[in-house]
């Protein structure tokens, strides 16, 4: 049996029967690419909406956050590497059907829960579960949030947009070379942001990594591009701390994070700092 191409992201993994993609979440089963982490939940928490981070979407509310395993990037500073860099053979997970998760979200409505957030790992490597669950949550009159690196195809995004109310999308930086170091593609993310912002509440996050993407000129270019989509898209500029494989440098200077935010504020109406 021949290899089959996975079309979910820019990697277009050619998978032989039984082989997993580089995301560790999708595999070739009998000649078809399937979502191998469907319903496999590794993390479940009731979080403040601001932790996603979303500042202009139902502020002060709570949201049930759910994660699985797998990611199609390889960020050396990943704070959730314990699940995002794991696969089916190493991740600790339990099965929760879309119906069960929707019921759990409903259960917490009396304490302020507004719905579900798909987060922690990269949710789009298991987009079918996001779609099926989000549809049920919408039926219950609740909201869906997607926290994503934005490196999925526009075809996947179109499947989800009818059911997603808000997104926080990581814009890792604004240099092609930097994205390549992380195993991603800047143009894919830019196209994803443009399409998502047309039909959905979108906020962006850029982690200012010491010596990597923390130049003021780069932030100026990034903010100008975001403004060309909409000046009203909020940008979160967050402070890097040594994590995972990137412990060879200091945490980002607080003053630098603030100055990067000031630079972005020349172009954007809403700029927030995080981890400072």
Protein backbone atom coordinates (compact mmCIF):
# COMPACT_ATOMS: atom_id res chain seq x y z
CA UNK A 1 0.00 0.00 0.00
CA UNK A 2 1.36 3.44 -0.94
CA UNK A 3 2.06 6.37 1.35
CA UNK A 4 -0.70 8.97 1.79
CA UNK A 5 -0.19 12.73 2.17
CA UNK A 6 -1.65 14.43 5.26
CA UNK A 7 -3.15 17.77 4.23
CA UNK A 8 -3.73 19.33 7.66
CA UNK A 9 -0.67 21.57 7.78
CA UNK A 10 2.26 22.85 5.74
CA UNK A 11 4.41 19.77 6.41
CA UNK A 12 2.31 17.53 4.13
CA UNK A 13 3.69 14.40 5.77
CA UNK A 14 3.81 11.39 3.44
CA UNK A 15 2.76 8.55 5.71
CA UNK A 16 3.09 4.86 5.06
CA UNK A 17 0.49 2.48 6.56
CA UNK A 18 0.80 2.59 10.35
CA UNK A 19 3.11 5.61 10.32
CA UNK A 20 2.49 8.71 12.47
CA UNK A 21 3.06 12.27 11.24
CA UNK A 22 5.58 14.60 12.78
CA UNK A 23 2.78 16.00 14.96
CA UNK A 24 2.50 12.55 16.63
CA UNK A 25 -1.28 12.89 16.48
CA UNK A 26 -2.21 11.84 12.94
CA UNK A 27 -1.51 8.50 11.28
CA UNK A 28 -2.11 6.40 8.20
CA UNK A 29 -4.65 3.71 9.05
CA UNK A 30 -5.46 1.38 6.18
CA UNK A 31 -4.66 4.01 3.56
CA UNK A 32 -6.51 6.91 5.22
CA UNK A 33 -5.13 9.72 7.38
CA UNK A 34 -6.92 9.59 10.73
CA UNK A 35 -6.93 11.66 13.89
CA UNK A 36 -5.10 9.37 16.31
CA UNK A 37 -5.63 11.58 19.36
CA UNK A 38 -9.41 11.93 18.90
CA UNK A 39 -10.97 12.33 22.35
CA UNK A 40 -7.69 11.63 24.17
CA UNK A 41 -7.64 14.25 26.91
CA UNK A 42 -4.42 14.95 28.81
CA UNK A 43 -5.47 18.17 30.58
CA UNK A 44 -8.76 19.62 31.79
CA UNK A 45 -9.03 22.81 33.84
CA UNK A 46 -11.49 25.60 34.53
CA UNK A 47 -9.47 28.73 33.74
CA UNK A 48 -10.02 32.48 33.70
CA UNK A 49 -10.56 33.58 30.10
CA UNK A 50 -7.64 35.99 30.52
CA UNK A 51 -5.27 33.03 30.86
CA UNK A 52 -5.81 31.96 27.22
CA UNK A 53 -4.94 34.90 26.86
CA UNK A 54 -8.06 36.76 25.76
CA UNK A 55 -8.62 40.24 27.13
CA UNK A 56 -11.51 41.54 25.02
CA UNK A 57 -13.69 38.41 24.90
CA UNK A 58 -16.08 38.00 27.87
CA UNK A 59 -13.59 39.42 30.40
CA UNK A 60 -13.99 38.12 33.93
CA UNK A 61 -15.52 34.83 32.82
CA UNK A 62 -14.27 31.26 33.17
CA UNK A 63 -13.78 28.67 30.43
CA UNK A 64 -13.25 24.91 30.55
CA UNK A 65 -9.85 24.31 28.96
CA UNK A 66 -9.03 20.98 27.36
CA UNK A 67 -5.84 19.63 25.83
CA UNK A 68 -4.66 16.43 24.15
CA UNK A 69 -1.18 15.52 22.90
CA UNK A 70 0.83 16.40 19.82
CA UNK A 71 2.02 19.51 17.97
CA UNK A 72 3.30 20.20 14.47
CA UNK A 73 5.95 22.71 15.63
CA UNK A 74 9.11 22.10 17.66
CA UNK A 75 9.52 25.24 19.74
CA UNK A 76 12.54 24.72 22.01
CA UNK A 77 10.92 26.89 24.71
CA UNK A 78 7.56 25.08 24.82
CA UNK A 79 5.97 25.37 28.26
CA UNK A 80 3.62 22.43 27.63
CA UNK A 81 6.20 20.06 26.16
CA UNK A 82 5.12 17.30 28.55
CA UNK A 83 2.02 16.81 26.39
CA UNK A 84 2.66 18.66 23.12
CA UNK A 85 5.82 16.69 22.39
CA UNK A 86 4.32 13.34 23.36
CA UNK A 87 2.53 10.75 21.23
CA UNK A 88 0.02 7.96 21.79
CA UNK A 89 2.66 5.66 23.26
CA UNK A 90 3.95 8.10 25.89
CA UNK A 91 1.13 10.56 26.70
CA UNK A 92 -1.02 9.93 29.76
CA UNK A 93 -4.59 10.46 28.62
CA UNK A 94 -8.17 9.36 29.08
CA UNK A 95 -10.96 9.23 26.54
CA UNK A 96 -13.69 11.86 26.68
CA UNK A 97 -16.25 11.90 23.91
CA UNK A 98 -17.51 15.19 22.44
CA UNK A 99 -20.81 14.63 24.24
CA UNK A 100 -19.05 14.09 27.56
CA UNK A 101 -16.96 17.23 27.19
CA UNK A 102 -19.99 19.31 26.19
CA UNK A 103 -21.84 18.00 29.24
CA UNK A 104 -18.87 18.86 31.46
CA UNK A 105 -18.85 22.41 30.09
CA UNK A 106 -22.59 22.69 30.81
CA UNK A 107 -22.04 21.41 34.35
CA UNK A 108 -19.79 24.37 35.15
CA UNK A 109 -22.08 27.00 33.64
CA UNK A 110 -23.53 27.96 37.07
CA UNK A 111 -20.08 28.98 38.35
CA UNK A 112 -19.38 31.24 35.37
CA UNK A 113 -18.17 28.89 32.64
CA UNK A 114 -18.98 30.19 29.16
CA UNK A 115 -17.90 27.12 27.15
CA UNK A 116 -14.75 25.27 26.15
CA UNK A 117 -11.24 26.29 25.10
CA UNK A 118 -9.13 23.90 23.03
CA UNK A 119 -5.60 24.58 24.17
CA UNK A 120 -2.40 23.34 25.91
CA UNK A 121 -1.17 21.25 22.96
CA UNK A 122 -1.84 22.23 19.33
CA UNK A 123 -5.58 21.53 18.94
CA UNK A 124 -5.60 21.65 15.14
CA UNK A 125 -3.61 18.42 14.79
CA UNK A 126 -6.83 16.85 16.11
CA UNK A 127 -9.25 19.28 14.50
CA UNK A 128 -12.00 16.71 13.99
CA UNK A 129 -12.50 16.43 17.75
CA UNK A 130 -12.56 20.22 18.06
CA UNK A 131 -15.22 20.43 15.35
CA UNK A 132 -17.44 17.69 16.76
CA UNK A 133 -17.26 18.99 20.32
CA UNK A 134 -17.60 22.66 19.41
CA UNK A 135 -20.73 21.90 17.42
CA UNK A 136 -22.37 20.37 20.51
CA UNK A 137 -21.25 23.22 22.75
CA UNK A 138 -22.80 25.72 20.35
CA UNK A 139 -26.01 23.72 20.41
CA UNK A 140 -26.03 24.24 24.19
CA UNK A 141 -25.71 28.00 23.71
CA UNK A 142 -22.11 28.19 24.93
CA UNK A 143 -18.89 29.55 23.42
CA UNK A 144 -15.82 27.92 21.86
CA UNK A 145 -12.27 29.23 22.02
CA UNK A 146 -9.28 28.00 20.03
CA UNK A 147 -5.71 28.59 21.20
CA UNK A 148 -3.52 27.70 18.25
CA UNK A 149 -0.23 28.25 16.47
CA UNK A 150 -2.18 28.93 13.27
CA UNK A 151 -0.14 26.57 11.10
CA UNK A 152 -3.07 24.60 9.71
CA UNK A 153 -4.47 24.72 6.21
CA UNK A 154 -7.29 27.09 5.34
CA UNK A 155 -9.44 24.06 4.54
CA UNK A 156 -9.20 22.97 8.19
CA UNK A 157 -9.96 26.51 9.35
CA UNK A 158 -13.10 26.62 7.19
CA UNK A 159 -14.34 23.44 8.89
CA UNK A 160 -14.03 25.10 12.30
CA UNK A 161 -15.02 28.71 11.76
CA UNK A 162 -18.79 28.10 12.03
CA UNK A 163 -18.32 26.82 15.58
CA UNK A 164 -15.44 28.91 16.99
CA UNK A 165 -16.22 32.23 18.67
CA UNK A 166 -12.73 33.43 19.56
CA UNK A 167 -9.11 32.53 18.94
CA UNK A 168 -5.76 33.38 20.37
CA UNK A 169 -3.22 32.72 17.63
CA UNK A 170 0.52 32.59 18.27
CA UNK A 171 2.43 34.86 15.94
CA UNK A 172 5.85 33.57 16.93
CA UNK A 173 7.76 36.39 15.24
CA UNK A 174 7.96 38.11 11.88
CA UNK A 175 10.98 36.55 10.23
CA UNK A 176 10.80 33.60 7.84
CA UNK A 177 14.07 32.23 9.20
CA UNK A 178 12.80 32.26 12.78
CA UNK A 179 9.70 30.28 11.85
CA UNK A 180 11.86 27.77 10.03
CA UNK A 181 13.89 27.25 13.20
CA UNK A 182 10.64 26.35 14.99
CA UNK A 183 9.54 23.99 12.22
CA UNK A 184 6.84 26.32 10.94
CA UNK A 185 6.00 28.71 8.12
CA UNK A 186 5.27 32.42 8.55
CA UNK A 187 3.15 32.77 5.41
CA UNK A 188 0.87 29.94 6.51
CA UNK A 189 0.23 31.72 9.82
CA UNK A 190 -0.37 35.08 8.16
CA UNK A 191 -2.97 33.57 5.81
CA UNK A 192 -4.62 31.82 8.78
CA UNK A 193 -4.83 35.08 10.75
CA UNK A 194 -6.32 37.01 7.86
CA UNK A 195 -9.05 34.44 7.27
CA UNK A 196 -9.82 33.90 10.97
CA UNK A 197 -10.07 37.63 11.70
CA UNK A 198 -12.67 38.05 8.97
CA UNK A 199 -15.24 35.91 10.81
CA UNK A 200 -14.06 35.49 14.39
CA UNK A 201 -12.77 37.42 17.40
CA UNK A 202 -8.98 37.08 17.15
CA UNK A 203 -6.23 38.05 19.57
CA UNK A 204 -2.54 37.40 18.88
CA UNK A 205 0.38 36.49 21.14
CA UNK A 206 4.08 37.02 20.49
CA UNK A 207 6.53 35.58 23.00
CA UNK A 208 9.58 37.88 23.09
CA UNK A 209 12.48 35.42 23.16
CA UNK A 210 15.84 36.82 24.22
CA UNK A 211 18.14 37.20 21.23
CA UNK A 212 15.70 35.65 18.78
CA UNK A 213 12.65 37.76 17.87
CA UNK A 214 12.95 40.68 20.29
CA UNK A 215 14.21 43.35 17.90
CA UNK A 216 12.30 46.63 17.75
CA UNK A 217 12.46 46.77 13.96
CA UNK A 218 10.93 43.30 13.72
CA UNK A 219 8.13 44.27 16.11
CA UNK A 220 7.50 47.41 14.08
CA UNK A 221 7.09 45.33 10.92
CA UNK A 222 4.88 42.81 12.72
CA UNK A 223 2.60 45.44 14.22
CA UNK A 224 2.30 47.29 10.91
CA UNK A 225 1.25 44.07 9.21
CA UNK A 226 -1.33 43.28 11.91
CA UNK A 227 -2.71 46.81 11.53
CA UNK A 228 -3.09 46.20 7.79
CA UNK A 229 -5.51 43.42 8.73
CA UNK A 230 -7.14 45.45 11.52
CA UNK A 231 -5.85 47.94 14.07
CA UNK A 232 -8.36 46.49 16.52
CA UNK A 233 -6.74 43.05 16.73
CA UNK A 234 -5.27 42.83 20.25
CA UNK A 235 -1.62 41.81 20.54
CA UNK A 236 -0.18 40.22 23.68
CA UNK A 237 3.59 40.70 23.99
CA UNK A 238 4.75 38.20 26.58
CA UNK A 239 8.00 37.69 28.42
CA UNK A 240 10.20 34.66 27.69
CA UNK A 241 11.48 32.47 30.51
CA UNK A 242 14.00 29.65 29.99
CA UNK A 243 12.07 26.43 29.32
CA UNK A 244 12.45 22.94 27.87
CA UNK A 245 15.47 22.92 25.52
CA UNK A 246 16.07 26.66 25.68
CA UNK A 247 17.82 27.23 28.98
CA UNK A 248 20.95 28.77 27.48
CA UNK A 249 19.79 32.37 27.91
CA UNK A 250 18.24 34.68 30.44
CA UNK A 251 14.60 35.57 30.72
CA UNK A 252 13.57 38.53 28.59
CA UNK A 253 14.17 41.87 30.24
CA UNK A 254 10.94 43.37 31.54
CA UNK A 255 11.88 46.79 30.19
CA UNK A 256 12.42 45.33 26.72
CA UNK A 257 8.99 43.69 26.75
CA UNK A 258 7.41 47.02 27.67
CA UNK A 259 9.32 48.82 24.90
CA UNK A 260 8.28 46.18 22.37
CA UNK A 261 4.67 46.73 23.45
CA UNK A 262 5.11 50.50 23.07
CA UNK A 263 6.46 49.94 19.57
CA UNK A 264 3.44 47.83 18.64
CA UNK A 265 1.15 50.43 20.20
CA UNK A 266 2.11 52.93 17.50
CA UNK A 267 0.09 50.80 15.08
CA UNK A 268 -2.44 48.87 17.16
CA UNK A 269 -5.28 49.99 19.41
CA UNK A 270 -4.89 47.17 21.96
CA UNK A 271 -1.49 45.94 23.13
CA UNK A 272 -1.01 44.00 26.37
CA UNK A 273 2.06 42.67 28.16
CA UNK A 274 2.26 39.27 29.86
CA UNK A 275 4.51 37.39 32.29
CA UNK A 276 6.01 40.69 33.50
